[in-house]
C-alpha atoms as a PDB file:
ATOM      1  CA  UNK A   1      16.010 -17.628  10.783  1.00  0.00           C
ATOM      2  CA  UNK A   2      16.573 -15.168   7.947  1.00  0.00           C
ATOM      3  CA  UNK A   3      14.703 -12.445   9.815  1.00  0.00           C
ATOM      4  CA  UNK A   4      16.769 -12.818  12.974  1.00  0.00           C
ATOM      5  CA  UNK A   5      20.027 -12.267  11.080  1.00  0.00           C
ATOM      6  CA  UNK A   6      18.910  -8.939   9.581  1.00  0.00           C
ATOM      7  CA  UNK A   7      20.042  -5.642  11.086  1.00  0.00           C
ATOM      8  CA  UNK A   8      17.342  -3.302  12.456  1.00  0.00           C
ATOM      9  CA  UNK A   9      17.552  -0.864   9.511  1.00  0.00           C
ATOM     10  CA  UNK A  10      17.173  -3.779   7.090  1.00  0.00           C
ATOM     11  CA  UNK A  11      14.086  -4.953   8.957  1.00  0.00           C
ATOM     12  CA  UNK A  12      12.606  -1.436   8.767  1.00  0.00           C
ATOM     13  CA  UNK A  13      13.163  -1.350   5.013  1.00  0.00           C
ATOM     14  CA  UNK A  14      11.573  -4.802   4.643  1.00  0.00           C
ATOM     15  CA  UNK A  15       8.585  -3.584   6.670  1.00  0.00           C
ATOM     16  CA  UNK A  16       8.192  -0.563   4.380  1.00  0.00           C
ATOM     17  CA  UNK A  17       8.205  -2.832   1.303  1.00  0.00           C
ATOM     18  CA  UNK A  18       5.779  -5.269   2.930  1.00  0.00           C
ATOM     19  CA  UNK A  19       3.193  -2.672   3.914  1.00  0.00           C
ATOM     20  CA  UNK A  20       3.422  -0.896   0.560  1.00  0.00           C
ATOM     21  CA  UNK A  21       2.084  -3.941  -1.334  1.00  0.00           C
ATOM     22  CA  UNK A  22       3.313  -2.441  -4.609  1.00  0.00           C
ATOM     23  CA  UNK A  23       6.650  -1.974  -6.339  1.00  0.00           C
ATOM     24  CA  UNK A  24       8.267   0.958  -4.550  1.00  0.00           C
ATOM     25  CA  UNK A  25      10.416   3.133  -6.815  1.00  0.00           C
ATOM     26  CA  UNK A  26      14.045   3.235  -5.712  1.00  0.00           C
ATOM     27  CA  UNK A  27      13.950   7.048  -5.627  1.00  0.00           C
ATOM     28  CA  UNK A  28      11.208   6.865  -2.948  1.00  0.00           C
ATOM     29  CA  UNK A  29      13.462   5.055  -0.504  1.00  0.00           C
ATOM     30  CA  UNK A  30      15.019   8.144   1.149  1.00  0.00           C
ATOM     31  CA  UNK A  31      11.532   9.514   1.895  1.00  0.00           C
ATOM     32  CA  UNK A  32      10.123   6.198   3.127  1.00  0.00           C
ATOM     33  CA  UNK A  33      13.137   5.147   5.179  1.00  0.00           C
ATOM     34  CA  UNK A  34      13.747   7.019   8.423  1.00  0.00           C
ATOM     35  CA  UNK A  35      17.466   6.822   8.770  1.00  0.00           C
ATOM     36  CA  UNK A  36      20.709   8.132   7.428  1.00  0.00           C
ATOM     37  CA  UNK A  37      21.876   7.638   3.861  1.00  0.00           C
ATOM     38  CA  UNK A  38      24.536   5.103   4.934  1.00  0.00           C
ATOM     39  CA  UNK A  39      21.899   3.167   6.910  1.00  0.00           C
ATOM     40  CA  UNK A  40      19.652   3.113   3.850  1.00  0.00           C
ATOM     41  CA  UNK A  41      22.494   1.938   1.633  1.00  0.00           C
ATOM     42  CA  UNK A  42      23.408  -0.855   4.085  1.00  0.00           C
ATOM     43  CA  UNK A  43      19.758  -1.875   4.359  1.00  0.00           C
ATOM     44  CA  UNK A  44      19.344  -1.993   0.573  1.00  0.00           C
ATOM     45  CA  UNK A  45      22.501  -4.112   0.241  1.00  0.00           C
ATOM     46  CA  UNK A  46      21.463  -6.476   3.045  1.00  0.00           C
ATOM     47  CA  UNK A  47      17.962  -6.873   1.662  1.00  0.00           C
ATOM     48  CA  UNK A  48      19.110  -7.376  -1.947  1.00  0.00           C
ATOM     49  CA  UNK A  49      18.799 -11.218  -1.848  1.00  0.00           C
ATOM     50  CA  UNK A  50      15.195 -10.892  -0.674  1.00  0.00           C
ATOM     51  CA  UNK A  51      14.062  -8.206  -3.127  1.00  0.00           C
ATOM     52  CA  UNK A  52      12.995  -8.200  -6.751  1.00  0.00           C
ATOM     53  CA  UNK A  53      13.854  -5.052  -8.640  1.00  0.00           C
ATOM     54  CA  UNK A  54      11.888  -4.240 -11.766  1.00  0.00           C
ATOM     55  CA  UNK A  55      11.392  -1.151 -13.885  1.00  0.00           C
ATOM     56  CA  UNK A  56       8.587  -0.135 -11.472  1.00  0.00           C
ATOM     57  CA  UNK A  57      10.636  -0.537  -8.305  1.00  0.00           C
ATOM     58  CA  UNK A  58      11.411  -2.860  -5.427  1.00  0.00           C
ATOM     59  CA  UNK A  59       9.220  -5.607  -4.001  1.00  0.00           C
ATOM     60  CA  UNK A  60       9.908  -8.405  -1.579  1.00  0.00           C
ATOM     61  CA  UNK A  61      10.905 -11.556  -3.452  1.00  0.00           C
ATOM     62  CA  UNK A  62       7.818 -13.604  -2.571  1.00  0.00           C
ATOM     63  CA  UNK A  63       4.348 -12.968  -1.189  1.00  0.00           C
ATOM     64  CA  UNK A  64       4.957 -15.471   1.616  1.00  0.00           C
ATOM     65  CA  UNK A  65       7.913 -13.375   2.799  1.00  0.00           C
ATOM     66  CA  UNK A  66       5.751 -10.247   2.518  1.00  0.00           C
ATOM     67  CA  UNK A  67       3.087 -11.911   4.674  1.00  0.00           C
ATOM     68  CA  UNK A  68       5.705 -13.019   7.190  1.00  0.00           C
ATOM     69  CA  UNK A  69       7.106  -9.501   7.488  1.00  0.00           C
ATOM     70  CA  UNK A  70       3.641  -7.904   7.628  1.00  0.00           C
ATOM     71  CA  UNK A  71       2.575 -10.214  10.459  1.00  0.00           C
ATOM     72  CA  UNK A  72       5.810 -10.182  12.454  1.00  0.00           C
ATOM     73  CA  UNK A  73       5.793  -8.551  15.895  1.00  0.00           C
ATOM     74  CA  UNK A  74       8.586  -6.182  14.800  1.00  0.00           C
ATOM     75  CA  UNK A  75       6.194  -4.723  12.244  1.00  0.00           C
ATOM     76  CA  UNK A  76       3.832  -3.496  14.965  1.00  0.00           C
ATOM     77  CA  UNK A  77       6.609  -1.264  16.284  1.00  0.00           C
ATOM     78  CA  UNK A  78       7.283   0.455  12.965  1.00  0.00           C
ATOM     79  CA  UNK A  79       3.883   0.161  11.267  1.00  0.00           C
ATOM     80  CA  UNK A  80       2.311   3.512  12.141  1.00  0.00           C
ATOM     81  CA  UNK A  81       5.357   5.611  11.270  1.00  0.00           C
ATOM     82  CA  UNK A  82       6.106   3.639   8.108  1.00  0.00           C
ATOM     83  CA  UNK A  83       2.502   3.814   6.965  1.00  0.00           C
ATOM     84  CA  UNK A  84       2.358   7.578   7.590  1.00  0.00           C
ATOM     85  CA  UNK A  85       5.542   8.121   5.547  1.00  0.00           C
ATOM     86  CA  UNK A  86       4.086   5.949   2.781  1.00  0.00           C
ATOM     87  CA  UNK A  87       0.828   7.943   2.763  1.00  0.00           C
ATOM     88  CA  UNK A  88       2.749  11.235   2.604  1.00  0.00           C
ATOM     89  CA  UNK A  89       4.879   9.943  -0.255  1.00  0.00           C
ATOM     90  CA  UNK A  90       1.757   8.782  -2.133  1.00  0.00           C
ATOM     91  CA  UNK A  91       0.174  12.223  -1.666  1.00  0.00           C
ATOM     92  CA  UNK A  92       3.162  14.274  -2.726  1.00  0.00           C
ATOM     93  CA  UNK A  93       5.629  12.284  -4.825  1.00  0.00           C
ATOM     94  CA  UNK A  94       3.962   9.203  -6.303  1.00  0.00           C
ATOM     95  CA  UNK A  95       2.892   8.931  -9.905  1.00  0.00           C
ATOM     96  CA  UNK A  96      -0.788   9.538 -10.576  1.00  0.00           C
ATOM     97  CA  UNK A  97      -1.458   5.830 -11.151  1.00  0.00           C
ATOM     98  CA  UNK A  98       0.173   4.770  -7.875  1.00  0.00           C
ATOM     99  CA  UNK A  99      -1.574   7.497  -5.955  1.00  0.00           C
ATOM    100  CA  UNK A 100      -4.921   6.645  -7.570  1.00  0.00           C
ATOM    101  CA  UNK A 101      -4.597   2.982  -6.640  1.00  0.00           C
ATOM    102  CA  UNK A 102      -2.991   3.117  -3.205  1.00  0.00           C
ATOM    103  CA  UNK A 103      -3.445   6.443  -1.389  1.00  0.00           C
ATOM    104  CA  UNK A 104      -6.966   5.954  -0.005  1.00  0.00           C
ATOM    105  CA  UNK A 105      -6.383   2.242   0.597  1.00  0.00           C
ATOM    106  CA  UNK A 106      -3.352   3.059   2.758  1.00  0.00           C
ATOM    107  CA  UNK A 107      -5.245   5.848   4.545  1.00  0.00           C
ATOM    108  CA  UNK A 108      -7.919   3.280   5.368  1.00  0.00           C
ATOM    109  CA  UNK A 109      -5.243   0.867   6.573  1.00  0.00           C
ATOM    110  CA  UNK A 110      -3.957   3.659   8.827  1.00  0.00           C
ATOM    111  CA  UNK A 111      -7.450   4.080  10.304  1.00  0.00           C
ATOM    112  CA  UNK A 112      -9.056   6.802   8.168  1.00  0.00           C
ATOM    113  CA  UNK A 113     -11.865   5.310   6.045  1.00  0.00           C
ATOM    114  CA  UNK A 114     -13.476   8.605   4.950  1.00  0.00           C
ATOM    115  CA  UNK A 115     -11.316   9.410   1.900  1.00  0.00           C
ATOM    116  CA  UNK A 116     -11.862   5.906   0.512  1.00  0.00           C
ATOM    117  CA  UNK A 117     -15.590   5.935   1.173  1.00  0.00           C
ATOM    118  CA  UNK A 118     -16.109   9.478  -0.106  1.00  0.00           C
ATOM    119  CA  UNK A 119     -13.999   9.163  -3.239  1.00  0.00           C
ATOM    120  CA  UNK A 120     -15.413   5.923  -4.644  1.00  0.00           C
ATOM    121  CA  UNK A 121     -18.662   7.413  -5.859  1.00  0.00           C
ATOM    122  CA  UNK A 122     -20.387   7.035  -9.221  1.00  0.00           C
ATOM    123  CA  UNK A 123     -18.340   9.807 -10.863  1.00  0.00           C
ATOM    124  CA  UNK A 124     -15.112   8.154  -9.634  1.00  0.00           C
ATOM    125  CA  UNK A 125     -16.181   4.835 -11.146  1.00  0.00           C
ATOM    126  CA  UNK A 126     -17.016   6.426 -14.499  1.00  0.00           C
ATOM    127  CA  UNK A 127     -13.816   8.481 -14.588  1.00  0.00           C
ATOM    128  CA  UNK A 128     -11.720   5.486 -13.575  1.00  0.00           C
ATOM    129  CA  UNK A 129     -13.147   3.428 -16.431  1.00  0.00           C
ATOM    130  CA  UNK A 130     -12.789   6.312 -18.903  1.00  0.00           C
ATOM    131  CA  UNK A 131      -9.177   6.817 -17.783  1.00  0.00           C
ATOM    132  CA  UNK A 132      -8.424   3.174 -18.559  1.00  0.00           C
ATOM    133  CA  UNK A 133      -7.747   2.140 -14.966  1.00  0.00           C
ATOM    134  CA  UNK A 134      -7.516  -1.643 -14.502  1.00  0.00           C
ATOM    135  CA  UNK A 135     -10.954  -3.080 -13.814  1.00  0.00           C
ATOM    136  CA  UNK A 136      -9.609  -5.427 -11.146  1.00  0.00           C
ATOM    137  CA  UNK A 137      -8.154  -2.423  -9.274  1.00  0.00           C
ATOM    138  CA  UNK A 138     -11.448  -0.523  -9.512  1.00  0.00           C
ATOM    139  CA  UNK A 139     -13.250  -3.592  -8.190  1.00  0.00           C
ATOM    140  CA  UNK A 140     -10.738  -4.059  -5.335  1.00  0.00           C
ATOM    141  CA  UNK A 141     -11.071  -0.438  -4.256  1.00  0.00           C
ATOM    142  CA  UNK A 142     -14.864  -0.639  -4.378  1.00  0.00           C
ATOM    143  CA  UNK A 143     -14.831  -3.785  -2.237  1.00  0.00           C
ATOM    144  CA  UNK A 144     -12.472  -2.118   0.222  1.00  0.00           C
ATOM    145  CA  UNK A 145     -14.750   0.947   0.287  1.00  0.00           C
ATOM    146  CA  UNK A 146     -17.716  -1.362   0.913  1.00  0.00           C
ATOM    147  CA  UNK A 147     -15.869  -2.876   3.867  1.00  0.00           C
ATOM    148  CA  UNK A 148     -14.918   0.576   5.156  1.00  0.00           C
ATOM    149  CA  UNK A 149     -18.522   1.796   4.911  1.00  0.00           C
ATOM    150  CA  UNK A 150     -19.772  -1.309   6.744  1.00  0.00           C
ATOM    151  CA  UNK A 151     -17.297  -0.607   9.542  1.00  0.00           C
ATOM    152  CA  UNK A 152     -18.778   2.903   9.770  1.00  0.00           C
ATOM    153  CA  UNK A 153     -22.355   1.471   9.803  1.00  0.00           C
ATOM    154  CA  UNK A 154     -22.998   3.339   6.543  1.00  0.00           C
ATOM    155  CA  UNK A 155     -25.017   0.547   4.987  1.00  0.00           C
ATOM    156  CA  UNK A 156     -26.434   2.511   2.043  1.00  0.00           C
ATOM    157  CA  UNK A 157     -22.954   3.459   0.871  1.00  0.00           C
ATOM    158  CA  UNK A 158     -21.697  -0.062   1.528  1.00  0.00           C
ATOM    159  CA  UNK A 159     -24.506  -1.506  -0.589  1.00  0.00           C
ATOM    160  CA  UNK A 160     -23.739   0.849  -3.487  1.00  0.00           C
ATOM    161  CA  UNK A 161     -19.990   0.098  -3.356  1.00  0.00           C
ATOM    162  CA  UNK A 162     -20.579  -3.639  -3.124  1.00  0.00           C
ATOM    163  CA  UNK A 163     -23.123  -3.703  -5.958  1.00  0.00           C
ATOM    164  CA  UNK A 164     -20.837  -1.567  -8.109  1.00  0.00           C
ATOM    165  CA  UNK A 165     -17.939  -3.955  -7.473  1.00  0.00           C
ATOM    166  CA  UNK A 166     -20.175  -6.884  -8.442  1.00  0.00           C
ATOM    167  CA  UNK A 167     -21.193  -5.126 -11.660  1.00  0.00           C
ATOM    168  CA  UNK A 168     -17.568  -4.525 -12.580  1.00  0.00           C
ATOM    169  CA  UNK A 169     -16.673  -8.120 -11.789  1.00  0.00           C
ATOM    170  CA  UNK A 170     -19.439  -9.468 -14.028  1.00  0.00           C
END
């Protein structure tokens, strides 16, 4: 019922927040939202009751709402364009930590597994640990890279990524 009452630009903004899966900085909104400034302002105001705003940025208020939005038929319409804008923003404007964690995962979600598979090598693992990256994030990316390699029938790479994720977990 809530979804049906939202204006189209509000739905687009909700879709952007849902597919991001991380707190999106407020200053990223003009790049991620394809509309006019007044449309963006109206969408932000309309979505305010359904958004948490923290120091890091905006997220949908609950994971169940995020899942609903991600799986809604309206999302299919805007997914490719929203995901491409998100990938571009991660490449160019995001902080190093956001880009490190999300860029290749979102590229994989958009259908390009190579950057994720190629980047998660032994040197990446070592550098990620040395740089103090969260171990759970390293493990998640390795598991995603394992999945991506399996989809490409690259079983040797998949085995390495999966075993590395297991080692980090334990």
